[in-house]
């Protein structure tokens, strides 16, 4: 593995994947929606960078991941946000 991969930490601020997931799922749903939108954008940017490096398989996977967030994930979280709009404040309006 190249040293370039060392820039990718194996945790998020010390959280295990399980602990991170439990913490994230408890956040405001409108916050989660914004995170999913931004993740889609960031994965798309990563895909473009890997395309320039000639890493076409990685580019393809990252583009697919980006599209998953844009499509099914955002569609589902939008339903959740709509269902709780009366009960939960949208800090992004």
N, C-alpha and C. Protein backbone atom coordinates (compact mmCIF):
# COMPACT_ATOMS: atom_id res chain seq x y z
N UNK A 1 0.85 -1.18 0.00
CA UNK A 1 0.00 0.00 0.00
C UNK A 1 0.89 1.24 0.00
N UNK A 2 0.52 2.22 -0.79
CA UNK A 2 1.35 3.42 -0.89
C UNK A 2 1.17 4.32 0.32
N UNK A 3 2.12 5.23 0.50
CA UNK A 3 2.03 6.18 1.60
C UNK A 3 0.87 7.14 1.43
N UNK A 4 0.38 7.27 0.19
CA UNK A 4 -0.76 8.16 -0.06
C UNK A 4 -2.00 7.71 0.71
N UNK A 5 -2.13 6.42 0.92
CA UNK A 5 -3.28 5.87 1.66
C UNK A 5 -3.20 6.20 3.15
N UNK A 6 -2.02 6.57 3.62
CA UNK A 6 -1.87 6.91 5.03
C UNK A 6 -2.65 8.15 5.43
N UNK A 7 -3.03 8.97 4.45
CA UNK A 7 -3.79 10.18 4.77
C UNK A 7 -5.24 9.87 5.15
N UNK A 8 -5.67 8.63 4.94
CA UNK A 8 -7.02 8.21 5.28
C UNK A 8 -7.01 7.55 6.66
N UNK A 9 -7.48 8.25 7.70
CA UNK A 9 -7.46 7.66 9.04
C UNK A 9 -8.41 6.46 9.12
N UNK A 10 -8.15 5.59 10.08
CA UNK A 10 -8.99 4.41 10.23
C UNK A 10 -10.05 4.58 11.32
N UNK A 11 -10.28 5.83 11.70
CA UNK A 11 -11.37 6.12 12.64
C UNK A 11 -11.78 7.58 12.48
N UNK A 12 -12.85 7.94 13.12
CA UNK A 12 -13.33 9.32 13.07
C UNK A 12 -13.26 9.88 14.49
N UNK A 13 -12.30 10.71 14.72
CA UNK A 13 -12.06 11.31 16.03
C UNK A 13 -12.04 10.28 17.16
N UNK A 14 -11.49 9.10 16.87
CA UNK A 14 -11.36 8.07 17.88
C UNK A 14 -12.57 7.16 18.02
N UNK A 15 -13.64 7.45 17.30
CA UNK A 15 -14.84 6.61 17.38
C UNK A 15 -14.65 5.33 16.57
N UNK A 16 -15.14 4.23 17.11
CA UNK A 16 -15.24 3.01 16.33
C UNK A 16 -16.39 3.19 15.35
N UNK A 17 -16.46 2.41 14.28
CA UNK A 17 -17.60 2.53 13.37
C UNK A 17 -18.95 2.40 14.08
N UNK A 18 -19.03 1.45 15.01
CA UNK A 18 -20.29 1.23 15.74
C UNK A 18 -20.67 2.44 16.59
N UNK A 19 -19.69 3.00 17.29
CA UNK A 19 -19.95 4.16 18.15
C UNK A 19 -20.31 5.38 17.30
N UNK A 20 -19.61 5.54 16.20
CA UNK A 20 -19.90 6.66 15.30
C UNK A 20 -21.33 6.55 14.76
N UNK A 21 -21.71 5.35 14.30
CA UNK A 21 -23.05 5.15 13.75
C UNK A 21 -24.12 5.44 14.79
N UNK A 22 -23.92 4.97 16.01
CA UNK A 22 -24.91 5.22 17.07
C UNK A 22 -25.03 6.71 17.37
N UNK A 23 -23.92 7.41 17.37
CA UNK A 23 -23.95 8.85 17.64
C UNK A 23 -24.60 9.61 16.48
N UNK A 24 -24.25 9.25 15.25
CA UNK A 24 -24.78 9.94 14.08
C UNK A 24 -26.28 9.76 13.95
N UNK A 25 -26.77 8.55 14.18
CA UNK A 25 -28.20 8.28 14.00
C UNK A 25 -29.06 9.05 15.00
N UNK A 26 -28.46 9.53 16.06
CA UNK A 26 -29.20 10.31 17.06
C UNK A 26 -29.21 11.81 16.75
N UNK A 27 -28.53 12.22 15.69
CA UNK A 27 -28.52 13.64 15.34
C UNK A 27 -29.83 14.02 14.66
N UNK A 28 -30.05 15.31 14.55
CA UNK A 28 -31.22 15.88 13.87
C UNK A 28 -31.28 15.34 12.43
N UNK A 29 -32.47 14.89 12.00
CA UNK A 29 -32.61 14.30 10.67
C UNK A 29 -32.29 15.29 9.54
N UNK A 30 -32.59 16.55 9.77
CA UNK A 30 -32.27 17.55 8.75
C UNK A 30 -30.75 17.72 8.64
N UNK A 31 -30.06 17.59 9.76
CA UNK A 31 -28.60 17.59 9.77
C UNK A 31 -28.08 16.40 8.96
N UNK A 32 -28.66 15.22 9.19
CA UNK A 32 -28.24 14.03 8.47
C UNK A 32 -28.44 14.21 6.97
N UNK A 33 -29.57 14.81 6.59
CA UNK A 33 -29.83 15.05 5.16
C UNK A 33 -28.73 15.91 4.55
N UNK A 34 -28.33 16.95 5.25
CA UNK A 34 -27.25 17.82 4.75
C UNK A 34 -25.94 17.05 4.65
N UNK A 35 -25.66 16.21 5.62
CA UNK A 35 -24.43 15.41 5.59
C UNK A 35 -24.45 14.49 4.37
N UNK A 36 -25.59 13.83 4.11
CA UNK A 36 -25.66 12.92 2.96
C UNK A 36 -25.46 13.67 1.65
N UNK A 37 -26.02 14.87 1.55
CA UNK A 37 -25.82 15.68 0.33
C UNK A 37 -24.32 16.00 0.16
N UNK A 38 -23.70 16.40 1.24
CA UNK A 38 -22.28 16.76 1.17
C UNK A 38 -21.40 15.55 0.93
N UNK A 39 -21.76 14.41 1.49
CA UNK A 39 -21.01 13.18 1.22
C UNK A 39 -21.05 12.85 -0.26
N UNK A 40 -22.21 13.00 -0.86
CA UNK A 40 -22.34 12.74 -2.29
C UNK A 40 -21.38 13.63 -3.08
N UNK A 41 -21.35 14.91 -2.74
CA UNK A 41 -20.46 15.85 -3.42
C UNK A 41 -18.99 15.50 -3.21
N UNK A 42 -18.65 15.14 -1.97
CA UNK A 42 -17.25 14.83 -1.66
C UNK A 42 -16.80 13.55 -2.36
N UNK A 43 -17.66 12.53 -2.42
CA UNK A 43 -17.30 11.30 -3.12
C UNK A 43 -17.13 11.57 -4.62
N UNK A 44 -17.96 12.47 -5.16
CA UNK A 44 -17.83 12.83 -6.58
C UNK A 44 -16.48 13.50 -6.83
N UNK A 45 -16.06 14.39 -5.92
CA UNK A 45 -14.76 15.05 -6.05
C UNK A 45 -13.62 14.04 -5.95
N UNK A 46 -13.74 13.11 -5.02
CA UNK A 46 -12.72 12.06 -4.88
C UNK A 46 -12.63 11.23 -6.15
N UNK A 47 -13.79 10.93 -6.75
CA UNK A 47 -13.82 10.15 -7.99
C UNK A 47 -13.07 10.88 -9.10
N UNK A 48 -13.29 12.18 -9.21
CA UNK A 48 -12.60 12.98 -10.24
C UNK A 48 -11.09 12.97 -10.00
N UNK A 49 -10.70 13.10 -8.75
CA UNK A 49 -9.26 13.10 -8.43
C UNK A 49 -8.64 11.75 -8.78
N UNK A 50 -9.36 10.67 -8.49
CA UNK A 50 -8.82 9.34 -8.81
C UNK A 50 -8.82 9.09 -10.31
N UNK A 51 -9.75 9.69 -11.03
CA UNK A 51 -9.74 9.58 -12.50
C UNK A 51 -8.45 10.20 -13.04
N UNK A 52 -8.07 11.36 -12.50
CA UNK A 52 -6.84 12.03 -12.94
C UNK A 52 -5.59 11.21 -12.63
N UNK A 53 -5.68 10.38 -11.58
CA UNK A 53 -4.55 9.53 -11.20
C UNK A 53 -4.56 8.20 -11.95
N UNK A 54 -5.58 8.00 -12.79
CA UNK A 54 -5.68 6.77 -13.56
C UNK A 54 -6.26 5.60 -12.80
N UNK A 55 -6.90 5.86 -11.69
CA UNK A 55 -7.48 4.80 -10.86
C UNK A 55 -8.96 4.64 -11.24
N UNK A 56 -9.19 4.03 -12.37
CA UNK A 56 -10.54 3.97 -12.94
C UNK A 56 -11.49 3.09 -12.13
N UNK A 57 -11.01 2.00 -11.56
CA UNK A 57 -11.88 1.15 -10.77
C UNK A 57 -12.34 1.89 -9.50
N UNK A 58 -11.42 2.58 -8.86
CA UNK A 58 -11.76 3.36 -7.67
C UNK A 58 -12.70 4.50 -8.05
N UNK A 59 -12.41 5.17 -9.14
CA UNK A 59 -13.27 6.26 -9.64
C UNK A 59 -14.69 5.76 -9.84
N UNK A 60 -14.82 4.61 -10.47
CA UNK A 60 -16.13 4.04 -10.74
C UNK A 60 -16.90 3.74 -9.45
N UNK A 61 -16.22 3.14 -8.49
CA UNK A 61 -16.85 2.83 -7.21
C UNK A 61 -17.28 4.07 -6.45
N UNK A 62 -16.43 5.09 -6.47
CA UNK A 62 -16.75 6.34 -5.78
C UNK A 62 -17.92 7.06 -6.45
N UNK A 63 -17.97 7.02 -7.78
CA UNK A 63 -19.11 7.62 -8.48
C UNK A 63 -20.41 6.90 -8.13
N UNK A 64 -20.35 5.58 -8.05
CA UNK A 64 -21.53 4.80 -7.69
C UNK A 64 -21.97 5.13 -6.27
N UNK A 65 -21.02 5.28 -5.38
CA UNK A 65 -21.33 5.66 -4.00
C UNK A 65 -21.97 7.04 -3.95
N UNK A 66 -21.43 7.97 -4.71
CA UNK A 66 -21.98 9.32 -4.78
C UNK A 66 -23.43 9.29 -5.26
N UNK A 67 -23.68 8.51 -6.30
CA UNK A 67 -25.04 8.41 -6.86
C UNK A 67 -26.00 7.75 -5.88
N UNK A 68 -25.50 6.82 -5.07
CA UNK A 68 -26.35 6.19 -4.06
C UNK A 68 -26.83 7.21 -3.05
N UNK A 69 -25.93 8.09 -2.64
CA UNK A 69 -26.34 9.14 -1.70
C UNK A 69 -27.30 10.10 -2.37
N UNK A 70 -27.05 10.45 -3.63
CA UNK A 70 -27.93 11.39 -4.35
C UNK A 70 -29.33 10.82 -4.53
N UNK A 71 -29.42 9.53 -4.79
CA UNK A 71 -30.70 8.91 -5.11
C UNK A 71 -31.40 8.32 -3.91
N UNK A 72 -31.24 7.02 -3.69
CA UNK A 72 -32.00 6.33 -2.65
C UNK A 72 -31.83 6.89 -1.25
N UNK A 73 -30.63 7.24 -0.87
CA UNK A 73 -30.40 7.72 0.49
C UNK A 73 -31.10 9.06 0.73
N UNK A 74 -30.90 10.01 -0.18
CA UNK A 74 -31.55 11.32 0.00
C UNK A 74 -33.07 11.23 -0.12
N UNK A 75 -33.54 10.36 -0.98
CA UNK A 75 -34.99 10.17 -1.11
C UNK A 75 -35.57 9.65 0.20
N UNK A 76 -34.90 8.69 0.81
CA UNK A 76 -35.38 8.10 2.06
C UNK A 76 -35.32 9.11 3.21
N UNK A 77 -34.21 9.83 3.33
CA UNK A 77 -34.10 10.80 4.45
C UNK A 77 -35.08 11.94 4.25
N UNK A 78 -35.40 12.28 3.01
CA UNK A 78 -36.40 13.32 2.74
C UNK A 78 -37.76 12.89 3.29
N UNK A 79 -38.10 11.60 3.13
CA UNK A 79 -39.35 11.08 3.69
C UNK A 79 -39.35 11.20 5.21
N UNK A 80 -38.22 10.88 5.81
CA UNK A 80 -38.09 10.97 7.26
C UNK A 80 -38.26 12.42 7.71
N UNK A 81 -37.60 13.34 7.01
CA UNK A 81 -37.70 14.76 7.36
C UNK A 81 -39.13 15.27 7.22
N UNK A 82 -39.80 14.85 6.17
CA UNK A 82 -41.18 15.27 5.95
C UNK A 82 -42.08 14.76 7.08
N UNK A 83 -41.85 13.52 7.50
CA UNK A 83 -42.67 12.92 8.55
C UNK A 83 -42.49 13.60 9.90
N UNK A 84 -41.33 14.16 10.15
CA UNK A 84 -41.09 14.76 11.46
C UNK A 84 -41.01 16.28 11.42
N UNK A 85 -41.37 16.87 10.30
CA UNK A 85 -41.26 18.32 10.14
C UNK A 85 -41.99 19.09 11.24
N UNK A 86 -43.15 18.58 11.68
CA UNK A 86 -43.93 19.25 12.73
C UNK A 86 -43.25 19.17 14.09
N UNK A 87 -42.39 18.17 14.28
CA UNK A 87 -41.84 17.90 15.59
C UNK A 87 -40.35 18.24 15.75
N UNK A 88 -39.67 18.40 14.64
CA UNK A 88 -38.22 18.64 14.69
C UNK A 88 -37.87 19.88 13.88
N UNK A 89 -37.08 20.74 14.50
CA UNK A 89 -36.66 21.97 13.85
C UNK A 89 -35.65 21.68 12.74
N UNK A 90 -35.84 22.36 11.60
CA UNK A 90 -34.87 22.27 10.53
C UNK A 90 -33.90 23.44 10.67
N UNK A 91 -32.69 23.19 11.15
CA UNK A 91 -31.73 24.28 11.37
C UNK A 91 -31.16 24.84 10.07
N UNK A 92 -31.55 24.30 8.94
CA UNK A 92 -31.00 24.73 7.66
C UNK A 92 -31.99 25.55 6.82
N UNK A 93 -33.12 25.89 7.42
CA UNK A 93 -34.10 26.75 6.71
C UNK A 93 -33.87 28.19 7.07
